[in-house]
């Protein structure tokens, strides 16, 4: 008895609808600074998981947290600028 499921998975694994659209790739590109800042903050927290954070660790976490907030602020400001400029025309 043959199972069609394995053949179906092989056929649909590379279907066009599974690829990200150009708009989705653009959104990811716009959010990349925020994503990288979040990763940096996670890295700073991960370093301190198995030990008591030193003053250097605390500064690294504070710096990373500030970068996350700045990146999110920039993303929100760009989104607001785009929506305001698009509606004013």
Protein backbone atom coordinates (compact mmCIF):
# COMPACT_ATOMS: atom_id res chain seq x y z
CA UNK A 1 0.00 0.00 0.00
CA UNK A 2 1.43 3.36 -1.06
CA UNK A 3 0.98 6.50 0.98
CA UNK A 4 0.16 9.54 -1.09
CA UNK A 5 1.01 11.90 1.77
CA UNK A 6 4.76 11.69 1.23
CA UNK A 7 4.36 12.41 -2.48
CA UNK A 8 1.99 15.28 -1.72
CA UNK A 9 4.46 16.81 0.74
CA UNK A 10 7.22 16.60 -1.85
CA UNK A 11 5.03 18.24 -4.49
CA UNK A 12 3.69 21.08 -2.30
CA UNK A 13 6.90 21.72 -0.35
CA UNK A 14 8.09 24.23 -2.94
CA UNK A 15 4.77 25.74 -3.98
CA UNK A 16 4.76 29.43 -4.92
CA UNK A 17 2.22 30.35 -2.26
CA UNK A 18 4.63 29.30 0.50
CA UNK A 19 7.23 31.92 -0.41
CA UNK A 20 7.06 35.34 1.27
CA UNK A 21 5.65 38.10 -0.88
CA UNK A 22 7.59 41.22 -1.76
CA UNK A 23 5.49 43.20 0.74
CA UNK A 24 6.31 40.71 3.51
CA UNK A 25 10.02 40.88 2.69
CA UNK A 26 9.86 44.69 2.76
CA UNK A 27 8.14 44.59 6.16
CA UNK A 28 10.84 42.29 7.51
CA UNK A 29 13.52 44.61 6.13
CA UNK A 30 11.89 47.63 7.82
CA UNK A 31 11.69 45.75 11.13
CA UNK A 32 15.23 44.32 10.97
CA UNK A 33 16.83 46.95 13.28
CA UNK A 34 14.18 46.19 15.90
CA UNK A 35 14.66 42.44 15.49
CA UNK A 36 18.43 42.75 15.86
CA UNK A 37 18.06 44.95 18.94
CA UNK A 38 15.72 42.37 20.50
CA UNK A 39 18.25 39.62 19.77
CA UNK A 40 21.00 41.67 21.39
CA UNK A 41 18.84 42.15 24.51
CA UNK A 42 18.12 38.42 24.65
CA UNK A 43 21.83 37.68 24.33
CA UNK A 44 22.56 40.04 27.23
CA UNK A 45 19.97 38.25 29.37
CA UNK A 46 21.16 34.79 28.36
CA UNK A 47 24.70 35.58 29.48
CA UNK A 48 23.42 36.26 32.99
CA UNK A 49 21.25 33.15 33.34
CA UNK A 50 23.81 30.99 35.09
CA UNK A 51 25.51 33.63 37.21
CA UNK A 52 24.87 36.73 39.21
CA UNK A 53 24.96 39.74 36.88
CA UNK A 54 27.99 41.94 37.35
CA UNK A 55 27.98 45.70 36.90
CA UNK A 56 29.24 45.17 33.35
CA UNK A 57 26.35 42.77 32.64
CA UNK A 58 23.87 45.27 34.05
CA UNK A 59 25.27 48.02 31.80
CA UNK A 60 25.11 45.71 28.80
CA UNK A 61 21.44 44.92 29.54
CA UNK A 62 20.60 48.62 30.03
CA UNK A 63 22.33 49.53 26.75
CA UNK A 64 20.53 46.75 24.91
CA UNK A 65 17.19 47.79 26.41
CA UNK A 66 17.78 51.39 25.28
CA UNK A 67 18.62 50.17 21.77
CA UNK A 68 15.39 48.16 21.66
CA UNK A 69 13.35 51.18 22.73
CA UNK A 70 15.11 53.42 20.21
CA UNK A 71 14.60 50.92 17.38
CA UNK A 72 10.91 50.52 18.25
CA UNK A 73 10.50 54.30 18.43
CA UNK A 74 12.08 54.71 14.99
CA UNK A 75 9.86 51.99 13.55
CA UNK A 76 6.73 53.59 15.03
CA UNK A 77 7.76 57.04 13.78
CA UNK A 78 8.37 55.72 10.26
CA UNK A 79 5.00 53.97 10.28
CA UNK A 80 3.31 57.17 11.45
CA UNK A 81 5.09 59.26 8.82
CA UNK A 82 4.05 56.89 6.06
CA UNK A 83 0.41 56.82 7.17
CA UNK A 84 0.26 60.63 7.58
CA UNK A 85 1.94 61.41 4.28
CA UNK A 86 -0.23 58.86 2.48
CA UNK A 87 -3.48 60.29 3.86
CA UNK A 88 -2.63 63.96 3.27
CA UNK A 89 -2.40 63.66 -0.51
